[in-house]
């Protein structure tokens, strides 16, 4: 008899891991990262190859994409905030660079 896997077990959120962003369980790899690669045009199989983690499967990638679809507004807001923070840090670095 085959036991069904609860796809909810593929995603975890913890304030101690990546600031509480949703991650693939046991990896610290954020759903945000999966979504960014997917938006760049990578197929789920290509994302899995890029990660190269021995315990991850396509089911994990699809769970991350499903989590994104179910929580798209929240994830997009978080990604926008990440991009704004990265842009601000880059501007600060450029302004402080003496060359």
N, C-alpha and C. Protein backbone atom coordinates (compact mmCIF):
# COMPACT_ATOMS: atom_id res chain seq x y z
N UNK A 1 0.83 -1.18 0.00
CA UNK A 1 0.00 0.00 0.00
C UNK A 1 0.89 1.25 0.00
N UNK A 2 0.62 2.16 -0.90
CA UNK A 2 1.37 3.40 -0.99
C UNK A 2 0.72 4.44 -0.09
N UNK A 3 1.56 5.15 0.64
CA UNK A 3 1.07 6.19 1.53
C UNK A 3 1.19 7.53 0.81
N UNK A 4 0.12 8.32 0.83
CA UNK A 4 0.10 9.63 0.18
C UNK A 4 0.99 10.60 0.95
N UNK A 5 1.61 11.49 0.22
CA UNK A 5 2.44 12.53 0.83
C UNK A 5 1.64 13.81 0.92
N UNK A 6 1.62 14.42 2.08
CA UNK A 6 0.98 15.72 2.27
C UNK A 6 1.90 16.79 1.69
N UNK A 7 1.47 17.47 0.63
CA UNK A 7 2.36 18.44 -0.01
C UNK A 7 2.67 19.62 0.91
N UNK A 8 1.86 19.80 1.94
CA UNK A 8 2.15 20.85 2.91
C UNK A 8 3.46 20.62 3.64
N UNK A 9 3.94 19.40 3.62
CA UNK A 9 5.21 19.11 4.30
C UNK A 9 6.42 19.59 3.50
N UNK A 10 6.21 20.00 2.27
CA UNK A 10 7.32 20.46 1.43
C UNK A 10 7.73 21.91 1.72
N UNK A 11 6.83 22.69 2.33
CA UNK A 11 7.09 24.10 2.59
C UNK A 11 7.05 24.35 4.09
N UNK A 12 8.01 25.15 4.56
CA UNK A 12 8.03 25.51 5.97
C UNK A 12 8.31 27.00 6.11
N UNK A 13 7.83 27.57 7.21
CA UNK A 13 8.11 28.96 7.57
C UNK A 13 8.57 28.97 9.02
N UNK A 14 9.70 29.59 9.25
CA UNK A 14 10.22 29.71 10.61
C UNK A 14 10.91 31.06 10.73
N UNK A 15 10.66 31.78 11.82
CA UNK A 15 11.35 33.06 11.98
C UNK A 15 12.87 32.91 12.05
N UNK A 16 13.35 31.71 12.33
CA UNK A 16 14.79 31.46 12.44
C UNK A 16 15.44 31.13 11.10
N UNK A 17 14.63 30.93 10.06
CA UNK A 17 15.16 30.55 8.74
C UNK A 17 14.74 31.59 7.72
N UNK A 18 15.72 32.23 7.11
CA UNK A 18 15.48 33.22 6.05
C UNK A 18 14.45 34.27 6.44
N UNK A 19 14.48 34.68 7.70
CA UNK A 19 13.59 35.74 8.15
C UNK A 19 12.12 35.38 8.10
N UNK A 20 11.82 34.10 8.12
CA UNK A 20 10.43 33.67 8.12
C UNK A 20 9.81 33.51 6.74
N UNK A 21 10.63 33.68 5.70
CA UNK A 21 10.11 33.48 4.34
C UNK A 21 9.83 32.00 4.12
N UNK A 22 8.85 31.67 3.30
CA UNK A 22 8.56 30.26 3.04
C UNK A 22 9.73 29.60 2.30
N UNK A 23 10.11 28.43 2.81
CA UNK A 23 11.26 27.70 2.26
C UNK A 23 10.88 26.26 1.95
N UNK A 24 11.64 25.64 1.07
CA UNK A 24 11.52 24.21 0.86
C UNK A 24 12.07 23.53 2.11
N UNK A 25 11.28 22.70 2.71
CA UNK A 25 11.60 22.09 4.00
C UNK A 25 13.00 21.50 4.05
N UNK A 26 13.70 21.86 5.10
CA UNK A 26 15.02 21.30 5.35
C UNK A 26 16.14 21.84 4.49
N UNK A 27 15.86 22.87 3.66
CA UNK A 27 16.89 23.35 2.75
C UNK A 27 17.27 24.80 2.95
N UNK A 28 16.38 25.62 3.45
CA UNK A 28 16.62 27.06 3.52
C UNK A 28 16.45 27.74 2.17
N UNK A 29 16.11 26.98 1.14
CA UNK A 29 15.89 27.54 -0.20
C UNK A 29 14.48 28.13 -0.24
N UNK A 30 14.38 29.42 -0.51
CA UNK A 30 13.08 30.09 -0.43
C UNK A 30 12.20 29.85 -1.65
N UNK A 31 10.92 29.93 -1.40
CA UNK A 31 9.94 29.90 -2.49
C UNK A 31 10.23 31.06 -3.43
N UNK A 32 10.66 32.20 -2.87
CA UNK A 32 10.99 33.36 -3.69
C UNK A 32 12.02 33.01 -4.76
N UNK A 33 13.05 32.26 -4.38
CA UNK A 33 14.10 31.87 -5.33
C UNK A 33 13.52 31.02 -6.46
N UNK A 34 12.68 30.05 -6.08
CA UNK A 34 12.05 29.19 -7.09
C UNK A 34 11.23 30.03 -8.05
N UNK A 35 10.45 30.95 -7.48
CA UNK A 35 9.59 31.82 -8.30
C UNK A 35 10.42 32.68 -9.23
N UNK A 36 11.50 33.23 -8.73
CA UNK A 36 12.36 34.08 -9.59
C UNK A 36 12.90 33.28 -10.78
N UNK A 37 13.39 32.07 -10.52
CA UNK A 37 13.88 31.24 -11.62
C UNK A 37 12.76 30.90 -12.60
N UNK A 38 11.60 30.59 -12.06
CA UNK A 38 10.45 30.26 -12.91
C UNK A 38 10.08 31.46 -13.79
N UNK A 39 10.09 32.65 -13.21
CA UNK A 39 9.76 33.86 -13.97
C UNK A 39 10.81 34.18 -15.03
N UNK A 40 12.03 33.69 -14.83
CA UNK A 40 13.07 33.86 -15.84
C UNK A 40 12.89 32.90 -17.02
N UNK A 41 11.91 31.99 -16.88
CA UNK A 41 11.63 31.07 -17.97
C UNK A 41 12.13 29.66 -17.76
N UNK A 42 12.73 29.38 -16.60
CA UNK A 42 13.21 28.02 -16.35
C UNK A 42 12.02 27.10 -16.08
N UNK A 43 12.09 25.92 -16.63
CA UNK A 43 11.09 24.89 -16.37
C UNK A 43 11.35 24.28 -15.00
N UNK A 44 10.34 23.70 -14.37
CA UNK A 44 10.56 23.06 -13.07
C UNK A 44 11.73 22.07 -13.08
N UNK A 45 11.88 21.31 -14.15
CA UNK A 45 13.00 20.36 -14.25
C UNK A 45 14.34 21.08 -14.26
N UNK A 46 14.40 22.23 -14.94
CA UNK A 46 15.64 23.01 -14.99
C UNK A 46 15.96 23.62 -13.62
N UNK A 47 14.92 24.05 -12.91
CA UNK A 47 15.11 24.59 -11.57
C UNK A 47 15.68 23.51 -10.67
N UNK A 48 15.11 22.31 -10.74
CA UNK A 48 15.60 21.20 -9.93
C UNK A 48 17.07 20.91 -10.24
N UNK A 49 17.43 20.90 -11.53
CA UNK A 49 18.82 20.68 -11.92
C UNK A 49 19.73 21.77 -11.38
N UNK A 50 19.26 23.01 -11.44
CA UNK A 50 20.06 24.14 -10.98
C UNK A 50 20.32 24.05 -9.47
N UNK A 51 19.32 23.60 -8.72
CA UNK A 51 19.47 23.49 -7.27
C UNK A 51 20.49 22.42 -6.94
N UNK A 52 20.37 21.26 -7.57
CA UNK A 52 21.32 20.18 -7.35
C UNK A 52 21.31 19.62 -5.94
N UNK A 53 20.20 19.72 -5.25
CA UNK A 53 20.10 19.19 -3.88
C UNK A 53 19.66 17.73 -3.97
N UNK A 54 20.37 16.82 -3.33
CA UNK A 54 20.10 15.39 -3.52
C UNK A 54 18.75 14.89 -3.01
N UNK A 55 18.11 15.60 -2.08
CA UNK A 55 16.84 15.11 -1.54
C UNK A 55 15.62 15.80 -2.13
N UNK A 56 15.84 16.84 -2.94
CA UNK A 56 14.70 17.54 -3.53
C UNK A 56 14.21 16.82 -4.78
N UNK A 57 12.90 16.93 -4.99
CA UNK A 57 12.28 16.31 -6.16
C UNK A 57 11.45 17.35 -6.90
N UNK A 58 10.94 16.96 -8.04
CA UNK A 58 10.04 17.85 -8.78
C UNK A 58 8.83 18.22 -7.94
N UNK A 59 8.40 17.32 -7.08
CA UNK A 59 7.26 17.60 -6.22
C UNK A 59 7.53 18.83 -5.34
N UNK A 60 8.77 18.98 -4.87
CA UNK A 60 9.13 20.14 -4.07
C UNK A 60 9.01 21.43 -4.90
N UNK A 61 9.49 21.38 -6.13
CA UNK A 61 9.44 22.56 -6.99
C UNK A 61 7.99 22.93 -7.28
N UNK A 62 7.19 21.93 -7.62
CA UNK A 62 5.77 22.20 -7.89
C UNK A 62 5.04 22.66 -6.63
N UNK A 63 5.42 22.16 -5.47
CA UNK A 63 4.82 22.63 -4.22
C UNK A 63 5.14 24.11 -4.00
N UNK A 64 6.38 24.50 -4.29
CA UNK A 64 6.76 25.91 -4.16
C UNK A 64 5.96 26.78 -5.12
N UNK A 65 5.81 26.32 -6.36
CA UNK A 65 5.04 27.09 -7.34
C UNK A 65 3.57 27.14 -6.97
N UNK A 66 3.05 26.06 -6.40
CA UNK A 66 1.66 26.04 -5.95
C UNK A 66 1.49 26.99 -4.77
N UNK A 67 2.45 26.98 -3.85
CA UNK A 67 2.40 27.90 -2.71
C UNK A 67 2.38 29.33 -3.22
N UNK A 68 3.20 29.62 -4.21
CA UNK A 68 3.23 30.96 -4.82
C UNK A 68 1.87 31.31 -5.40
N UNK A 69 1.28 30.41 -6.16
CA UNK A 69 -0.02 30.70 -6.77
C UNK A 69 -1.09 30.96 -5.72
N UNK A 70 -1.03 30.21 -4.62
CA UNK A 70 -2.03 30.36 -3.56
C UNK A 70 -1.80 31.62 -2.73
N UNK A 71 -0.58 32.16 -2.77
CA UNK A 71 -0.21 33.31 -1.95
C UNK A 71 0.50 34.38 -2.79
N UNK A 72 0.05 34.52 -4.02
CA UNK A 72 0.77 35.34 -4.99
C UNK A 72 0.93 36.80 -4.54
N UNK A 73 -0.12 37.42 -4.03
CA UNK A 73 -0.02 38.82 -3.64
C UNK A 73 1.04 39.01 -2.55
N UNK A 74 1.04 38.13 -1.57
CA UNK A 74 1.99 38.22 -0.47
C UNK A 74 3.42 38.02 -0.99
N UNK A 75 3.63 36.99 -1.80
CA UNK A 75 4.97 36.70 -2.31
C UNK A 75 5.46 37.84 -3.20
N UNK A 76 4.61 38.36 -4.06
CA UNK A 76 5.01 39.47 -4.93
C UNK A 76 5.39 40.70 -4.11
N UNK A 77 4.66 40.97 -3.04
CA UNK A 77 4.99 42.09 -2.15
C UNK A 77 6.36 41.88 -1.53
N UNK A 78 6.63 40.67 -1.08
CA UNK A 78 7.92 40.36 -0.47
C UNK A 78 9.06 40.46 -1.49
N UNK A 79 8.83 39.98 -2.70
CA UNK A 79 9.85 40.06 -3.75
C UNK A 79 10.12 41.51 -4.11
N UNK A 80 9.08 42.33 -4.19
CA UNK A 80 9.25 43.75 -4.49
C UNK A 80 10.07 44.42 -3.40
N UNK A 81 9.80 44.09 -2.15
CA UNK A 81 10.56 44.64 -1.02
C UNK A 81 12.02 44.20 -1.09
N UNK A 82 12.27 42.93 -1.43
CA UNK A 82 13.65 42.44 -1.58
C UNK A 82 14.38 43.22 -2.66
N UNK A 83 13.71 43.43 -3.80
CA UNK A 83 14.32 44.16 -4.91
C UNK A 83 14.64 45.59 -4.52
N UNK A 84 13.74 46.24 -3.79
CA UNK A 84 13.95 47.62 -3.36
C UNK A 84 15.14 47.70 -2.40
N UNK A 85 15.23 46.73 -1.49
CA UNK A 85 16.34 46.71 -0.54
C UNK A 85 17.67 46.48 -1.27
N UNK A 86 17.67 45.58 -2.25
CA UNK A 86 18.89 45.32 -3.03
C UNK A 86 19.30 46.56 -3.81
N UNK A 87 18.33 47.25 -4.38
CA UNK A 87 18.61 48.47 -5.14
C UNK A 87 19.19 49.55 -4.22
N UNK A 88 18.62 49.69 -3.05
CA UNK A 88 19.11 50.68 -2.09
C UNK A 88 20.54 50.35 -1.66
N UNK A 89 20.81 49.09 -1.37
CA UNK A 89 22.16 48.69 -0.99
C UNK A 89 23.16 48.94 -2.11
N UNK A 90 22.74 48.70 -3.34
CA UNK A 90 23.62 48.93 -4.48
C UNK A 90 23.93 50.42 -4.63
N UNK A 91 22.89 51.25 -4.46
CA UNK A 91 23.12 52.70 -4.56
C UNK A 91 24.07 53.16 -3.45
N UNK A 92 23.88 52.67 -2.24
CA UNK A 92 24.75 53.04 -1.13
C UNK A 92 26.19 52.62 -1.40
N UNK A 93 26.36 51.42 -1.95
CA UNK A 93 27.70 50.93 -2.27
C UNK A 93 28.35 51.80 -3.33
N UNK A 94 27.61 52.15 -4.36
CA UNK A 94 28.15 52.95 -5.45
C UNK A 94 28.53 54.34 -4.93
N UNK A 95 27.69 54.92 -4.07
CA UNK A 95 27.96 56.25 -3.52
C UNK A 95 29.18 56.24 -2.60
N UNK A 96 29.40 55.13 -1.91
CA UNK A 96 30.52 55.06 -0.97
C UNK A 96 31.81 54.57 -1.61
N UNK A 97 31.75 54.16 -2.89
CA UNK A 97 32.93 53.66 -3.57
C UNK A 97 33.82 54.85 -3.98
N UNK A 98 35.04 54.92 -3.46
CA UNK A 98 35.91 56.08 -3.73
C UNK A 98 36.45 56.13 -5.16
N UNK A 99 36.30 55.09 -5.96
CA UNK A 99 36.89 55.10 -7.30
C UNK A 99 36.01 55.73 -8.30
